PDB file of N, CA and C in Angstrom:
ATOM      1  N   MET A   1     101.744 133.989 104.285  1.00  0.00           N
ATOM      2  CA  MET A   1     102.549 132.913 103.739  1.00  0.00           C
ATOM      3  C   MET A   1     101.662 131.693 103.510  1.00  0.00           C
ATOM      4  N   HIS A   2     101.850 131.067 102.375  1.00  0.00           N
ATOM      5  CA  HIS A   2     101.054 129.889 102.038  1.00  0.00           C
ATOM      6  C   HIS A   2     101.636 128.645 102.681  1.00  0.00           C
ATOM      7  N   ARG A   3     100.738 127.760 103.071  1.00  0.00           N
ATOM      8  CA  ARG A   3     101.156 126.490 103.655  1.00  0.00           C
ATOM      9  C   ARG A   3     100.872 125.382 102.650  1.00  0.00           C
ATOM     10  N   LEU A   4     101.732 124.380 102.643  1.00  0.00           N
ATOM     11  CA  LEU A   4     101.534 123.237 101.758  1.00  0.00           C
ATOM     12  C   LEU A   4     100.547 122.259 102.384  1.00  0.00           C
ATOM     13  N   ASP A   5      99.676 121.713 101.559  1.00  0.00           N
ATOM     14  CA  ASP A   5      98.768 120.659 102.002  1.00  0.00           C
ATOM     15  C   ASP A   5      99.567 119.355 102.029  1.00  0.00           C
ATOM     16  N   VAL A   6      99.729 118.790 103.212  1.00  0.00           N
ATOM     17  CA  VAL A   6     100.583 117.623 103.394  1.00  0.00           C
ATOM     18  C   VAL A   6     100.080 116.436 102.581  1.00  0.00           C
ATOM     19  N   ALA A   7      98.784 116.171 102.601  1.00  0.00           N
ATOM     20  CA  ALA A   7      98.237 115.021 101.883  1.00  0.00           C
ATOM     21  C   ALA A   7      98.410 115.175 100.373  1.00  0.00           C
ATOM     22  N   ARG A   8      98.160 116.363  99.858  1.00  0.00           N
ATOM     23  CA  ARG A   8      98.310 116.568  98.410  1.00  0.00           C
ATOM     24  C   ARG A   8      99.760 116.484  97.977  1.00  0.00           C
ATOM     25  N   CYS A   9     100.639 117.020  98.778  1.00  0.00           N
ATOM     26  CA  CYS A   9     102.061 116.941  98.461  1.00  0.00           C
ATOM     27  C   CYS A   9     102.533 115.486  98.498  1.00  0.00           C
ATOM     28  N   ALA A  10     102.091 114.742  99.498  1.00  0.00           N
ATOM     29  CA  ALA A  10     102.460 113.332  99.608  1.00  0.00           C
ATOM     30  C   ALA A  10     101.958 112.549  98.404  1.00  0.00           C
ATOM     31  N   LEU A  11     100.726 112.771  98.018  1.00  0.00           N
ATOM     32  CA  LEU A  11     100.154 112.048  96.887  1.00  0.00           C
ATOM     33  C   LEU A  11     100.842 112.414  95.580  1.00  0.00           C
ATOM     34  N   SER A  12     101.106 113.683  95.364  1.00  0.00           N
ATOM     35  CA  SER A  12     101.713 114.094  94.097  1.00  0.00           C
ATOM     36  C   SER A  12     103.148 113.581  93.964  1.00  0.00           C
ATOM     37  N   VAL A  13     103.931 113.659  95.024  1.00  0.00           N
ATOM     38  CA  VAL A  13     105.305 113.149  94.961  1.00  0.00           C
ATOM     39  C   VAL A  13     105.293 111.629  94.836  1.00  0.00           C
ATOM     40  N   GLY A  14     104.402 110.965  95.555  1.00  0.00           N
ATOM     41  CA  GLY A  14     104.313 109.509  95.472  1.00  0.00           C
ATOM     42  C   GLY A  14     103.944 109.029  94.083  1.00  0.00           C
ATOM     43  N   VAL A  15     102.970 109.660  93.462  1.00  0.00           N
ATOM     44  CA  VAL A  15     102.550 109.258  92.114  1.00  0.00           C
ATOM     45  C   VAL A  15     103.648 109.568  91.096  1.00  0.00           C
ATOM     46  N   ALA A  16     104.296 110.712  91.236  1.00  0.00           N
ATOM     47  CA  ALA A  16     105.365 111.071  90.300  1.00  0.00           C
ATOM     48  C   ALA A  16     106.529 110.090  90.401  1.00  0.00           C
ATOM     49  N   TRP A  17     106.964 109.771  91.602  1.00  0.00           N
ATOM     50  CA  TRP A  17     108.097 108.859  91.783  1.00  0.00           C
ATOM     51  C   TRP A  17     107.722 107.435  91.360  1.00  0.00           C
ATOM     52  N   SER A  18     106.516 107.023  91.664  1.00  0.00           N
ATOM     53  CA  SER A  18     106.055 105.703  91.256  1.00  0.00           C
ATOM     54  C   SER A  18     106.018 105.589  89.733  1.00  0.00           C
ATOM     55  N   SER A  19     105.595 106.633  89.072  1.00  0.00           N
ATOM     56  CA  SER A  19     105.569 106.637  87.603  1.00  0.00           C
ATOM     57  C   SER A  19     106.978 106.539  87.024  1.00  0.00           C
ATOM     58  N   CYS A  20     107.910 107.246  87.632  1.00  0.00           N
ATOM     59  CA  CYS A  20     109.307 107.176  87.174  1.00  0.00           C
ATOM     60  C   CYS A  20     109.871 105.770  87.323  1.00  0.00           C
ATOM     61  N   ILE A  21     109.620 105.150  88.455  1.00  0.00           N
ATOM     62  CA  ILE A  21     110.112 103.788  88.685  1.00  0.00           C
ATOM     63  C   ILE A  21     109.475 102.817  87.698  1.00  0.00           C
ATOM     64  N   PHE A  22     108.177 102.975  87.452  1.00  0.00           N
ATOM     65  CA  PHE A  22     107.484 102.107  86.506  1.00  0.00           C
ATOM     66  C   PHE A  22     108.091 102.258  85.108  1.00  0.00           C
ATOM     67  N   LEU A  23     108.336 103.498  84.681  1.00  0.00           N
ATOM     68  CA  LEU A  23     108.927 103.727  83.364  1.00  0.00           C
ATOM     69  C   LEU A  23     110.348 103.190  83.272  1.00  0.00           C
ATOM     70  N   MET A  24     111.118 103.286  84.356  1.00  0.00           N
ATOM     71  CA  MET A  24     112.462 102.715  84.356  1.00  0.00           C
ATOM     72  C   MET A  24     112.400 101.204  84.177  1.00  0.00           C
ATOM     73  N   GLY A  25     111.432 100.571  84.831  1.00  0.00           N
ATOM     74  CA  GLY A  25     111.262  99.134  84.682  1.00  0.00           C
ATOM     75  C   GLY A  25     110.859  98.748  83.274  1.00  0.00           C
ATOM     76  N   LEU A  26     109.997  99.545  82.656  1.00  0.00           N
ATOM     77  CA  LEU A  26     109.608  99.282  81.263  1.00  0.00           C
ATOM     78  C   LEU A  26     110.800  99.438  80.326  1.00  0.00           C
ATOM     79  N   MET A  27     111.620 100.441  80.556  1.00  0.00           N
ATOM     80  CA  MET A  27     112.804 100.636  79.726  1.00  0.00           C
ATOM     81  C   MET A  27     113.781  99.477  79.883  1.00  0.00           C
ATOM     82  N   ALA A  28     113.861  98.927  81.091  1.00  0.00           N
ATOM     83  CA  ALA A  28     114.768  97.803  81.329  1.00  0.00           C
ATOM     84  C   ALA A  28     114.313  96.559  80.575  1.00  0.00           C
ATOM     85  N   ARG A  29     113.026  96.452  80.306  1.00  0.00           N
ATOM     86  CA  ARG A  29     112.527  95.318  79.515  1.00  0.00           C
ATOM     87  C   ARG A  29     113.093  95.350  78.106  1.00  0.00           C
ATOM     88  N   ARG A  30     113.442  96.546  77.633  1.00  0.00           N
ATOM     89  CA  ARG A  30     114.013  96.699  76.289  1.00  0.00           C
ATOM     90  C   ARG A  30     115.540  96.750  76.314  1.00  0.00           C
ATOM     91  N   GLY A  31     116.127  96.602  77.499  1.00  0.00           N
ATOM     92  CA  GLY A  31     117.581  96.558  77.602  1.00  0.00           C
ATOM     93  C   GLY A  31     118.248  97.858  78.001  1.00  0.00           C
ATOM     94  N   THR A  32     117.487  98.909  78.231  1.00  0.00           N
ATOM     95  CA  THR A  32     118.057 100.201  78.623  1.00  0.00           C
ATOM     96  C   THR A  32     117.925 100.394  80.133  1.00  0.00           C
ATOM     97  N   GLY A  33     119.015 100.706  80.789  1.00  0.00           N
ATOM     98  CA  GLY A  33     118.974 100.980  82.220  1.00  0.00           C
ATOM     99  C   GLY A  33     118.844  99.751  83.098  1.00  0.00           C
ATOM    100  N   VAL A  34     119.298  98.621  82.611  1.00  0.00           N
ATOM    101  CA  VAL A  34     119.172  97.375  83.371  1.00  0.00           C
ATOM    102  C   VAL A  34     119.961  97.459  84.679  1.00  0.00           C
ATOM    103  N   GLU A  35     121.140  98.070  84.621  1.00  0.00           N
ATOM    104  CA  GLU A  35     121.960  98.185  85.834  1.00  0.00           C
ATOM    105  C   GLU A  35     121.287  99.068  86.884  1.00  0.00           C
ATOM    106  N   LEU A  36     120.624 100.125  86.443  1.00  0.00           N
ATOM    107  CA  LEU A  36     119.913 100.996  87.381  1.00  0.00           C
ATOM    108  C   LEU A  36     118.758 100.248  88.035  1.00  0.00           C
ATOM    109  N   VAL A  37     118.029  99.480  87.260  1.00  0.00           N
ATOM    110  CA  VAL A  37     116.925  98.685  87.809  1.00  0.00           C
ATOM    111  C   VAL A  37     117.464  97.647  88.784  1.00  0.00           C
ATOM    112  N   ARG A  38     118.589  97.044  88.449  1.00  0.00           N
ATOM    113  CA  ARG A  38     119.213  96.066  89.350  1.00  0.00           C
ATOM    114  C   ARG A  38     119.613  96.734  90.667  1.00  0.00           C
ATOM    115  N   LEU A  39     120.134  97.951  90.579  1.00  0.00           N
ATOM    116  CA  LEU A  39     120.504  98.696  91.788  1.00  0.00           C
ATOM    117  C   LEU A  39     119.269  99.055  92.608  1.00  0.00           C
ATOM    118  N   LEU A  40     118.221  99.535  91.948  1.00  0.00           N
ATOM    119  CA  LEU A  40     116.998  99.905  92.659  1.00  0.00           C
ATOM    120  C   LEU A  40     116.280  98.697  93.250  1.00  0.00           C
ATOM    121  N   SER A  41     116.497  97.524  92.680  1.00  0.00           N
ATOM    122  CA  SER A  41     115.854  96.330  93.234  1.00  0.00           C
ATOM    123  C   SER A  41     116.420  95.981  94.608  1.00  0.00           C
ATOM    124  N   ARG A  42     117.578  96.519  94.937  1.00  0.00           N
ATOM    125  CA  ARG A  42     118.119  96.333  96.295  1.00  0.00           C
ATOM    126  C   ARG A  42     117.352  97.178  97.306  1.00  0.00           C
ATOM    127  N   ILE A  43     116.804  98.295  96.844  1.00  0.00           N
ATOM    128  CA  ILE A  43     116.038  99.183  97.718  1.00  0.00           C
ATOM    129  C   ILE A  43     114.577  98.762  97.752  1.00  0.00           C
ATOM    130  N   TYR A  44     114.010  98.518  96.564  1.00  0.00           N
ATOM    131  CA  TYR A  44     112.603  98.142  96.445  1.00  0.00           C
ATOM    132  C   TYR A  44     112.510  96.644  96.181  1.00  0.00           C
ATOM    133  N   ARG A  45     112.213  95.883  97.219  1.00  0.00           N
ATOM    134  CA  ARG A  45     112.146  94.416  97.129  1.00  0.00           C
ATOM    135  C   ARG A  45     111.176  93.970  96.050  1.00  0.00           C
ATOM    136  N   GLY A  46     111.639  93.088  95.186  1.00  0.00           N
ATOM    137  CA  GLY A  46     110.787  92.532  94.150  1.00  0.00           C
ATOM    138  C   GLY A  46     110.761  93.321  92.860  1.00  0.00           C
ATOM    139  N   PHE A  47     111.384  94.508  92.836  1.00  0.00           N
ATOM    140  CA  PHE A  47     111.369  95.342  91.635  1.00  0.00           C
ATOM    141  C   PHE A  47     112.215  94.706  90.540  1.00  0.00           C
ATOM    142  N   GLY A  48     111.695  94.712  89.335  1.00  0.00           N
ATOM    143  CA  GLY A  48     112.419  94.167  88.197  1.00  0.00           C
ATOM    144  C   GLY A  48     111.649  94.424  86.919  1.00  0.00           C
ATOM    145  N   PRO A  49     112.187  93.977  85.789  1.00  0.00           N
ATOM    146  CA  PRO A  49     111.539  94.246  84.511  1.00  0.00           C
ATOM    147  C   PRO A  49     110.321  93.360  84.210  1.00  0.00           C
ATOM    148  N   SER A  50     110.005  92.424  85.070  1.00  0.00           N
ATOM    149  CA  SER A  50     108.818  91.595  84.852  1.00  0.00           C
ATOM    150  C   SER A  50     107.557  92.377  85.241  1.00  0.00           C
ATOM    151  N   PHE A  51     106.394  91.883  84.813  1.00  0.00           N
ATOM    152  CA  PHE A  51     105.143  92.578  85.148  1.00  0.00           C
ATOM    153  C   PHE A  51     104.955  92.650  86.665  1.00  0.00           C
ATOM    154  N   ARG A  52     105.203  91.535  87.348  1.00  0.00           N
ATOM    155  CA  ARG A  52     105.093  91.503  88.816  1.00  0.00           C
ATOM    156  C   ARG A  52     106.097  92.465  89.446  1.00  0.00           C
ATOM    157  N   GLY A  53     107.304  92.498  88.911  1.00  0.00           N
ATOM    158  CA  GLY A  53     108.341  93.393  89.423  1.00  0.00           C
ATOM    159  C   GLY A  53     107.999  94.855  89.228  1.00  0.00           C
ATOM    160  N   LEU A  54     107.360  95.159  88.094  1.00  0.00           N
ATOM    161  CA  LEU A  54     106.935  96.544  87.857  1.00  0.00           C
ATOM    162  C   LEU A  54     105.892  96.974  88.877  1.00  0.00           C
ATOM    163  N   LEU A  55     104.942  96.097  89.157  1.00  0.00           N
ATOM    164  CA  LEU A  55     103.902  96.435  90.132  1.00  0.00           C
ATOM    165  C   LEU A  55     104.465  96.585  91.540  1.00  0.00           C
ATOM    166  N   LEU A  56     105.312  95.640  91.940  1.00  0.00           N
ATOM    167  CA  LEU A  56     105.902  95.715  93.279  1.00  0.00           C
ATOM    168  C   LEU A  56     106.779  96.952  93.439  1.00  0.00           C
ATOM    169  N   GLY A  57     107.606  97.215  92.451  1.00  0.00           N
ATOM    170  CA  GLY A  57     108.470  98.392  92.512  1.00  0.00           C
ATOM    171  C   GLY A  57     107.670  99.685  92.548  1.00  0.00           C
ATOM    172  N   SER A  58     106.588  99.733  91.772  1.00  0.00           N
ATOM    173  CA  SER A  58     105.751 100.931  91.757  1.00  0.00           C
ATOM    174  C   SER A  58     105.055 101.149  93.097  1.00  0.00           C
ATOM    175  N   LEU A  59     104.628 100.077  93.726  1.00  0.00           N
ATOM    176  CA  LEU A  59     103.985 100.211  95.039  1.00  0.00           C
ATOM    177  C   LEU A  59     104.981 100.683  96.091  1.00  0.00           C
ATOM    178  N   TRP A  60     106.182 100.103  96.075  1.00  0.00           N
ATOM    179  CA  TRP A  60     107.214 100.551  97.009  1.00  0.00           C
ATOM    180  C   TRP A  60     107.545 102.027  96.777  1.00  0.00           C
ATOM    181  N   ALA A  61     107.667 102.412  95.504  1.00  0.00           N
ATOM    182  CA  ALA A  61     108.011 103.794  95.177  1.00  0.00           C
ATOM    183  C   ALA A  61     106.884 104.748  95.558  1.00  0.00           C
ATOM    184  N   LEU A  62     105.635 104.299  95.422  1.00  0.00           N
ATOM    185  CA  LEU A  62     104.500 105.133  95.831  1.00  0.00           C
ATOM    186  C   LEU A  62     104.573 105.418  97.327  1.00  0.00           C
ATOM    187  N   ALA A  63     104.839 104.381  98.114  1.00  0.00           N
ATOM    188  CA  ALA A  63     104.945 104.568  99.560  1.00  0.00           C
ATOM    189  C   ALA A  63     106.145 105.450  99.918  1.00  0.00           C
ATOM    190  N   ASP A  64     107.268 105.195  99.266  1.00  0.00           N
ATOM    191  CA  ASP A  64     108.477 105.969  99.523  1.00  0.00           C
ATOM    192  C   ASP A  64     108.282 107.438  99.137  1.00  0.00           C
ATOM    193  N   GLY A  65     107.714 107.675  97.967  1.00  0.00           N
ATOM    194  CA  GLY A  65     107.478 109.043  97.519  1.00  0.00           C
ATOM    195  C   GLY A  65     106.458 109.768  98.376  1.00  0.00           C
ATOM    196  N   ALA A  66     105.416 109.053  98.805  1.00  0.00           N
ATOM    197  CA  ALA A  66     104.397 109.672  99.653  1.00  0.00           C
ATOM    198  C   ALA A  66     104.994 110.079 101.002  1.00  0.00           C
ATOM    199  N   LEU A  67     105.801 109.231 101.570  1.00  0.00           N
ATOM    200  CA  LEU A  67     106.452 109.568 102.836  1.00  0.00           C
ATOM    201  C   LEU A  67     107.392 110.759 102.664  1.00  0.00           C
ATOM    202  N   THR A  68     108.158 110.762 101.590  1.00  0.00           N
ATOM    203  CA  THR A  68     109.076 111.867 101.327  1.00  0.00           C
ATOM    204  C   THR A  68     108.316 113.171 101.103  1.00  0.00           C
ATOM    205  N   GLY A  69     107.244 113.117 100.316  1.00  0.00           N
ATOM    206  CA  GLY A  69     106.445 114.312 100.057  1.00  0.00           C
ATOM    207  C   GLY A  69     105.789 114.854 101.312  1.00  0.00           C
ATOM    208  N   ALA A  70     105.308 113.956 102.164  1.00  0.00           N
ATOM    209  CA  ALA A  70     104.680 114.386 103.411  1.00  0.00           C
ATOM    210  C   ALA A  70     105.708 115.032 104.346  1.00  0.00           C
ATOM    211  N   LEU A  71     106.870 114.419 104.453  1.00  0.00           N
ATOM    212  CA  LEU A  71     107.915 114.996 105.307  1.00  0.00           C
ATOM    213  C   LEU A  71     108.381 116.349 104.775  1.00  0.00           C
ATOM    214  N   PHE A  72     108.509 116.460 103.450  1.00  0.00           N
ATOM    215  CA  PHE A  72     108.897 117.738 102.852  1.00  0.00           C
ATOM    216  C   PHE A  72     107.875 118.820 103.185  1.00  0.00           C
ATOM    217  N   ALA A  73     106.600 118.514 103.000  1.00  0.00           N
ATOM    218  CA  ALA A  73     105.550 119.501 103.282  1.00  0.00           C
ATOM    219  C   ALA A  73     105.531 119.882 104.760  1.00  0.00           C
ATOM    220  N   LEU A  74     105.715 118.897 105.635  1.00  0.00           N
ATOM    221  CA  LEU A  74     105.730 119.193 107.065  1.00  0.00           C
ATOM    222  C   LEU A  74     106.876 120.113 107.432  1.00  0.00           C
ATOM    223  N   PHE A  75     108.062 119.852 106.861  1.00  0.00           N
ATOM    224  CA  PHE A  75     109.221 120.689 107.164  1.00  0.00           C
ATOM    225  C   PHE A  75     109.051 122.098 106.593  1.00  0.00           C
ATOM    226  N   VAL A  76     108.498 122.198 105.384  1.00  0.00           N
ATOM    227  CA  VAL A  76     108.261 123.522 104.796  1.00  0.00           C
ATOM    228  C   VAL A  76     107.276 124.300 105.652  1.00  0.00           C
ATOM    229  N   ASN A  77     106.206 123.644 106.092  1.00  0.00           N
ATOM    230  CA  ASN A  77     105.221 124.322 106.938  1.00  0.00           C
ATOM    231  C   ASN A  77     105.782 124.680 108.297  1.00  0.00           C
ATOM    232  N   LEU A  78     106.690 123.866 108.796  1.00  0.00           N
ATOM    233  CA  LEU A  78     107.282 124.119 110.102  1.00  0.00           C
ATOM    234  C   LEU A  78     108.175 125.363 110.092  1.00  0.00           C
ATOM    235  N   PHE A  79     108.936 125.499 109.027  1.00  0.00           N
ATOM    236  CA  PHE A  79     109.885 126.621 108.966  1.00  0.00           C
ATOM    237  C   PHE A  79     109.336 127.734 108.110  1.00  0.00           C
TER     238      PHE A  79
END
């Protein structure tokens, strides 16, 4: 049985989720998905359609995704 590499899984999920959050913020700059960005800004402090908000939201999402990916890999390897 193959085991997941925890660090690689954490990095890949973190980068993927961070990219999604960044793209959502860019879309909100054009008026699409503003309510979703407003909702996510409650979770990710500082997230918004501004350049600073995009960076802050992406960093929060990177950390959140990395933690989620690492926990997923650990649980898969455990069971």
